[in-house]
Amino acid sequence: MPQDMPPVGGYEPIQYKRNLPARGFRPAYYLLAVAGIMTYGFYKYGKGVRELNELGREKMWSRIHLIPALQAEEDRDQVRRMLADKARERELLGAETKVYHSDRFVRPTFAVVPENTTD
């Protein structure tokens, strides 16, 4: 019995690869896009940090310049309270009692001490 032989010139090549179109861009383009977006983000972040530092510095200097005005306001309030206390004392007792050795105004100091201490 005769054996089957290939045709003259050989068989046609077999297509084993899929012929699909490439989807999307090349990976290098995606990498460049991500790098560009990240660079822009870091740039904006750096500008924001510098702006926050400048705002903090400005806030600190404004507080430093406000300290004398706030101190004067507190002193006026303390003197007003002292004079009101003396007037109340004169009204209740009929006379002003001398509890200090001086008439000079001294800022009152308060110390918070716990009532019950256990040692």
N, C-alpha and C. Protein backbone atom coordinates (compact mmCIF):
# COMPACT_ATOMS: atom_id res chain seq x y z
N MET A 1 0.84 -1.14 0.00
CA MET A 1 0.00 0.00 0.00
C MET A 1 0.91 1.23 0.00
N PRO A 2 0.57 2.20 -0.84
CA PRO A 2 1.44 3.35 -0.92
C PRO A 2 1.21 4.30 0.26
N GLN A 3 2.26 4.94 0.70
CA GLN A 3 2.18 5.86 1.83
C GLN A 3 1.88 7.27 1.32
N ASP A 4 1.03 8.02 2.13
CA ASP A 4 0.73 9.40 1.75
C ASP A 4 1.97 10.25 1.97
N MET A 5 2.27 11.03 1.01
CA MET A 5 3.43 11.91 1.11
C MET A 5 2.95 13.36 1.07
N PRO A 6 3.75 14.31 1.64
CA PRO A 6 3.35 15.71 1.59
C PRO A 6 3.31 16.20 0.14
N PRO A 7 2.51 17.23 -0.08
CA PRO A 7 2.45 17.73 -1.45
C PRO A 7 3.78 18.35 -1.85
N VAL A 8 3.96 18.52 -3.10
CA VAL A 8 5.20 19.09 -3.60
C VAL A 8 5.24 20.57 -3.18
N GLY A 9 6.29 21.01 -2.62
CA GLY A 9 6.43 22.38 -2.14
C GLY A 9 6.07 22.51 -0.66
N GLY A 10 5.58 21.46 0.00
CA GLY A 10 5.28 21.45 1.43
C GLY A 10 3.90 22.03 1.75
N TYR A 11 3.54 21.82 2.98
CA TYR A 11 2.25 22.35 3.46
C TYR A 11 2.37 23.85 3.73
N GLU A 12 1.21 24.54 3.79
CA GLU A 12 1.21 25.95 4.15
C GLU A 12 1.51 26.07 5.64
N PRO A 13 2.11 27.19 6.03
CA PRO A 13 2.40 27.33 7.47
C PRO A 13 1.11 27.42 8.30
N ILE A 14 1.18 26.86 9.50
CA ILE A 14 0.01 26.85 10.38
C ILE A 14 0.02 28.14 11.20
N GLN A 15 -1.15 28.83 11.29
CA GLN A 15 -1.23 30.06 12.08
C GLN A 15 -1.53 29.67 13.53
N TYR A 16 -0.53 29.75 14.38
CA TYR A 16 -0.72 29.41 15.78
C TYR A 16 -0.81 30.65 16.68
N LYS A 17 -0.46 31.84 16.16
CA LYS A 17 -0.58 33.07 16.92
C LYS A 17 -1.93 33.71 16.62
N ARG A 18 -2.45 34.43 17.66
CA ARG A 18 -3.70 35.15 17.43
C ARG A 18 -3.36 36.49 16.81
N ASN A 19 -4.11 36.90 15.86
CA ASN A 19 -3.87 38.15 15.18
C ASN A 19 -4.81 39.21 15.76
N LEU A 20 -4.47 39.69 16.99
CA LEU A 20 -5.30 40.67 17.66
C LEU A 20 -4.62 42.04 17.60
N PRO A 21 -5.39 43.10 17.44
CA PRO A 21 -4.77 44.42 17.45
C PRO A 21 -4.33 44.79 18.88
N ALA A 22 -3.28 45.59 18.99
CA ALA A 22 -2.78 46.01 20.30
C ALA A 22 -3.79 46.97 20.91
N ARG A 23 -4.13 46.77 22.19
CA ARG A 23 -5.11 47.63 22.87
C ARG A 23 -4.36 48.65 23.71
N GLY A 24 -4.75 49.91 23.58
CA GLY A 24 -4.15 50.95 24.40
C GLY A 24 -2.79 51.38 23.89
N PHE A 25 -2.13 52.17 24.72
CA PHE A 25 -0.83 52.69 24.36
C PHE A 25 0.26 51.72 24.80
N ARG A 26 1.44 52.01 24.38
CA ARG A 26 2.59 51.21 24.83
C ARG A 26 2.81 51.46 26.32
N PRO A 27 3.36 50.51 27.05
CA PRO A 27 3.60 50.70 28.49
C PRO A 27 4.51 51.90 28.79
N ALA A 28 5.42 52.21 27.91
CA ALA A 28 6.32 53.35 28.15
C ALA A 28 5.53 54.66 28.20
N TYR A 29 4.48 54.76 27.37
CA TYR A 29 3.67 55.99 27.40
C TYR A 29 2.92 56.11 28.73
N TYR A 30 2.40 55.00 29.21
CA TYR A 30 1.73 55.03 30.52
C TYR A 30 2.72 55.43 31.62
N LEU A 31 3.92 54.90 31.57
CA LEU A 31 4.94 55.22 32.57
C LEU A 31 5.30 56.70 32.52
N LEU A 32 5.44 57.26 31.33
CA LEU A 32 5.74 58.68 31.20
C LEU A 32 4.58 59.53 31.73
N ALA A 33 3.34 59.12 31.46
CA ALA A 33 2.19 59.88 31.94
C ALA A 33 2.14 59.87 33.47
N VAL A 34 2.35 58.71 34.07
CA VAL A 34 2.33 58.61 35.54
C VAL A 34 3.47 59.44 36.14
N ALA A 35 4.65 59.39 35.54
CA ALA A 35 5.79 60.17 36.04
C ALA A 35 5.49 61.67 35.94
N GLY A 36 4.86 62.09 34.85
CA GLY A 36 4.50 63.51 34.71
C GLY A 36 3.48 63.94 35.75
N ILE A 37 2.47 63.12 35.98
CA ILE A 37 1.45 63.45 36.98
C ILE A 37 2.07 63.51 38.37
N MET A 38 2.94 62.56 38.69
CA MET A 38 3.58 62.55 40.01
C MET A 38 4.50 63.77 40.17
N THR A 39 5.22 64.14 39.14
CA THR A 39 6.09 65.31 39.22
C THR A 39 5.26 66.56 39.50
N TYR A 40 4.14 66.71 38.79
CA TYR A 40 3.26 67.85 39.01
C TYR A 40 2.72 67.83 40.44
N GLY A 41 2.33 66.67 40.94
CA GLY A 41 1.81 66.55 42.31
C GLY A 41 2.85 66.93 43.35
N PHE A 42 4.07 66.45 43.19
CA PHE A 42 5.13 66.80 44.13
C PHE A 42 5.43 68.30 44.09
N TYR A 43 5.36 68.89 42.90
CA TYR A 43 5.58 70.32 42.76
C TYR A 43 4.52 71.10 43.53
N LYS A 44 3.25 70.74 43.34
CA LYS A 44 2.16 71.42 44.04
C LYS A 44 2.25 71.18 45.55
N TYR A 45 2.63 69.99 45.97
CA TYR A 45 2.79 69.68 47.40
C TYR A 45 3.88 70.54 48.02
N GLY A 46 5.00 70.67 47.32
CA GLY A 46 6.10 71.50 47.82
C GLY A 46 5.69 72.95 47.95
N LYS A 47 4.95 73.47 46.97
CA LYS A 47 4.48 74.85 47.07
C LYS A 47 3.52 75.00 48.25
N GLY A 48 2.67 73.99 48.48
CA GLY A 48 1.74 74.06 49.60
C GLY A 48 2.45 74.04 50.94
N VAL A 49 3.48 73.23 51.06
CA VAL A 49 4.25 73.18 52.31
C VAL A 49 4.93 74.52 52.58
N ARG A 50 5.50 75.10 51.52
CA ARG A 50 6.13 76.41 51.69
C ARG A 50 5.11 77.47 52.10
N GLU A 51 3.92 77.40 51.51
CA GLU A 51 2.87 78.36 51.87
C GLU A 51 2.44 78.19 53.32
N LEU A 52 2.29 76.93 53.78
CA LEU A 52 1.91 76.68 55.17
C LEU A 52 3.00 77.17 56.13
N ASN A 53 4.26 76.97 55.78
CA ASN A 53 5.35 77.47 56.63
C ASN A 53 5.31 79.00 56.72
N GLU A 54 5.05 79.64 55.59
CA GLU A 54 4.98 81.11 55.60
C GLU A 54 3.79 81.59 56.42
N LEU A 55 2.65 80.92 56.32
CA LEU A 55 1.48 81.31 57.12
C LEU A 55 1.74 81.10 58.61
N GLY A 56 2.42 80.02 58.96
CA GLY A 56 2.76 79.78 60.36
C GLY A 56 3.70 80.84 60.90
N ARG A 57 4.68 81.23 60.09
CA ARG A 57 5.62 82.28 60.51
C ARG A 57 4.89 83.60 60.69
N GLU A 58 3.99 83.90 59.76
CA GLU A 58 3.22 85.15 59.85
C GLU A 58 2.32 85.14 61.09
N LYS A 59 1.72 84.00 61.38
CA LYS A 59 0.86 83.88 62.57
C LYS A 59 1.67 84.09 63.84
N MET A 60 2.86 83.49 63.90
CA MET A 60 3.71 83.63 65.08
C MET A 60 4.11 85.09 65.28
N TRP A 61 4.52 85.79 64.22
CA TRP A 61 4.93 87.18 64.36
C TRP A 61 3.75 88.07 64.73
N SER A 62 2.56 87.76 64.21
CA SER A 62 1.40 88.57 64.58
C SER A 62 1.08 88.39 66.06
N ARG A 63 1.23 87.17 66.57
CA ARG A 63 1.01 86.95 68.00
C ARG A 63 2.06 87.67 68.84
N ILE A 64 3.30 87.65 68.38
CA ILE A 64 4.37 88.33 69.11
C ILE A 64 4.08 89.82 69.18
N HIS A 65 3.59 90.40 68.08
CA HIS A 65 3.32 91.84 68.07
C HIS A 65 2.05 92.18 68.85
N LEU A 66 1.16 91.21 69.06
CA LEU A 66 -0.07 91.47 69.82
C LEU A 66 0.12 91.34 71.32
N ILE A 67 1.22 90.74 71.77
CA ILE A 67 1.42 90.48 73.19
C ILE A 67 1.33 91.75 74.04
N PRO A 68 1.95 92.88 73.68
CA PRO A 68 1.83 94.07 74.53
C PRO A 68 0.39 94.57 74.68
N ALA A 69 -0.38 94.53 73.59
CA ALA A 69 -1.77 94.98 73.67
C ALA A 69 -2.59 94.05 74.55
N LEU A 70 -2.37 92.77 74.42
CA LEU A 70 -3.11 91.81 75.25
C LEU A 70 -2.72 91.93 76.71
N GLN A 71 -1.44 92.18 76.97
CA GLN A 71 -0.97 92.36 78.35
C GLN A 71 -1.58 93.61 78.96
N ALA A 72 -1.65 94.70 78.19
CA ALA A 72 -2.25 95.93 78.70
C ALA A 72 -3.73 95.71 78.99
N GLU A 73 -4.41 94.99 78.14
CA GLU A 73 -5.83 94.69 78.36
C GLU A 73 -6.02 93.89 79.64
N GLU A 74 -5.16 92.92 79.86
CA GLU A 74 -5.26 92.11 81.07
C GLU A 74 -4.97 92.95 82.31
N ASP A 75 -3.97 93.84 82.23
CA ASP A 75 -3.66 94.72 83.37
C ASP A 75 -4.84 95.64 83.69
N ARG A 76 -5.47 96.22 82.66
CA ARG A 76 -6.63 97.08 82.89
C ARG A 76 -7.75 96.29 83.57
N ASP A 77 -7.95 95.05 83.13
CA ASP A 77 -9.00 94.23 83.73
C ASP A 77 -8.69 93.93 85.20
N GLN A 78 -7.43 93.63 85.50
CA GLN A 78 -7.04 93.35 86.88
C GLN A 78 -7.25 94.57 87.78
N VAL A 79 -6.87 95.75 87.30
CA VAL A 79 -7.04 96.98 88.09
C VAL A 79 -8.53 97.26 88.29
N ARG A 80 -9.34 97.07 87.23
CA ARG A 80 -10.78 97.28 87.35
C ARG A 80 -11.38 96.35 88.39
N ARG A 81 -10.96 95.09 88.38
CA ARG A 81 -11.46 94.14 89.38
C ARG A 81 -11.03 94.52 90.80
N MET A 82 -9.76 94.98 90.93
CA MET A 82 -9.27 95.37 92.26
C MET A 82 -10.07 96.56 92.79
N LEU A 83 -10.31 97.56 91.94
CA LEU A 83 -11.07 98.73 92.38
C LEU A 83 -12.52 98.35 92.71
N ALA A 84 -13.09 97.43 91.95
CA ALA A 84 -14.45 96.97 92.25
C ALA A 84 -14.48 96.21 93.57
N ASP A 85 -13.44 95.42 93.85
CA ASP A 85 -13.37 94.71 95.13
C ASP A 85 -13.26 95.69 96.30
N LYS A 86 -12.45 96.74 96.13
CA LYS A 86 -12.31 97.75 97.20
C LYS A 86 -13.63 98.49 97.44
N ALA A 87 -14.34 98.79 96.35
CA ALA A 87 -15.63 99.47 96.49
C ALA A 87 -16.64 98.56 97.19
N ARG A 88 -16.65 97.31 96.83
CA ARG A 88 -17.56 96.34 97.46
C ARG A 88 -17.22 96.19 98.95
N GLU A 89 -15.91 96.16 99.24
CA GLU A 89 -15.46 96.03 100.64
C GLU A 89 -15.88 97.27 101.44
N ARG A 90 -15.73 98.47 100.87
CA ARG A 90 -16.15 99.70 101.53
C ARG A 90 -17.66 99.71 101.78
N GLU A 91 -18.42 99.17 100.80
CA GLU A 91 -19.88 99.14 100.94
C GLU A 91 -20.32 98.16 102.02
N LEU A 92 -19.64 97.00 102.09
CA LEU A 92 -20.04 95.97 103.06
C LEU A 92 -19.53 96.26 104.47
N LEU A 93 -18.25 96.69 104.57
CA LEU A 93 -17.64 96.87 105.89
C LEU A 93 -17.71 98.31 106.39
N GLY A 94 -17.99 99.24 105.50
CA GLY A 94 -18.05 100.63 105.91
C GLY A 94 -16.69 101.30 105.90
N ALA A 95 -15.63 100.55 105.91
CA ALA A 95 -14.29 101.13 105.88
C ALA A 95 -13.39 100.20 105.07
N GLU A 96 -12.30 100.77 104.62
CA GLU A 96 -11.35 99.96 103.84
C GLU A 96 -10.30 99.39 104.77
N THR A 97 -10.18 98.08 104.81
CA THR A 97 -9.19 97.44 105.69
C THR A 97 -7.87 97.34 104.96
N LYS A 98 -6.81 97.44 105.70
CA LYS A 98 -5.47 97.39 105.12
C LYS A 98 -4.92 95.98 105.34
N VAL A 99 -4.84 95.19 104.29
CA VAL A 99 -4.33 93.82 104.44
C VAL A 99 -2.91 93.70 103.94
N TYR A 100 -2.46 94.65 103.15
CA TYR A 100 -1.10 94.61 102.61
C TYR A 100 -0.30 95.75 103.21
N HIS A 101 1.00 95.66 103.11
CA HIS A 101 1.89 96.69 103.64
C HIS A 101 2.12 97.81 102.64
N SER A 102 1.58 97.67 101.43
CA SER A 102 1.85 98.65 100.39
C SER A 102 0.57 98.92 99.61
N ASP A 103 0.47 100.08 99.00
CA ASP A 103 -0.66 100.41 98.14
C ASP A 103 -0.37 100.07 96.68
N ARG A 104 0.81 99.62 96.45
CA ARG A 104 1.21 99.29 95.08
C ARG A 104 0.42 98.08 94.59
N PHE A 105 -0.01 98.12 93.31
CA PHE A 105 -0.76 97.01 92.74
C PHE A 105 0.17 95.84 92.45
N VAL A 106 -0.20 94.66 92.92
CA VAL A 106 0.56 93.45 92.67
C VAL A 106 -0.38 92.46 91.99
N ARG A 107 0.06 91.93 90.92
CA ARG A 107 -0.78 90.98 90.18
C ARG A 107 -1.07 89.77 91.06
N PRO A 108 -2.34 89.41 91.20
CA PRO A 108 -2.66 88.27 92.04
C PRO A 108 -2.18 86.97 91.40
N THR A 109 -1.68 86.09 92.23
CA THR A 109 -1.24 84.79 91.73
C THR A 109 -2.10 83.72 92.38
N PHE A 110 -2.46 82.77 91.59
CA PHE A 110 -3.30 81.68 92.09
C PHE A 110 -2.56 80.38 91.87
N ALA A 111 -2.60 79.53 92.85
CA ALA A 111 -2.01 78.21 92.72
C ALA A 111 -3.11 77.18 92.92
N VAL A 112 -3.29 76.31 91.97
CA VAL A 112 -4.32 75.29 92.07
C VAL A 112 -3.73 74.13 92.87
N VAL A 113 -4.35 73.85 94.01
CA VAL A 113 -3.87 72.78 94.87
C VAL A 113 -5.01 71.79 95.04
N PRO A 114 -4.73 70.51 94.86
CA PRO A 114 -5.82 69.54 95.04
C PRO A 114 -6.29 69.50 96.49
N GLU A 115 -7.59 69.24 96.68
CA GLU A 115 -8.15 69.22 98.02
C GLU A 115 -7.63 68.02 98.83
N ASN A 116 -7.74 66.84 98.27
CA ASN A 116 -7.33 65.62 98.98
C ASN A 116 -6.05 65.08 98.36
N THR A 117 -5.05 65.04 99.16
CA THR A 117 -3.80 64.46 98.68
C THR A 117 -3.50 63.20 99.45
N THR A 118 -3.06 62.21 98.75
CA THR A 118 -2.68 60.95 99.42
C THR A 118 -1.19 60.73 99.17
N ASP A 119 -0.48 60.54 100.23
CA ASP A 119 0.96 60.33 100.10
C ASP A 119 1.33 58.88 100.30
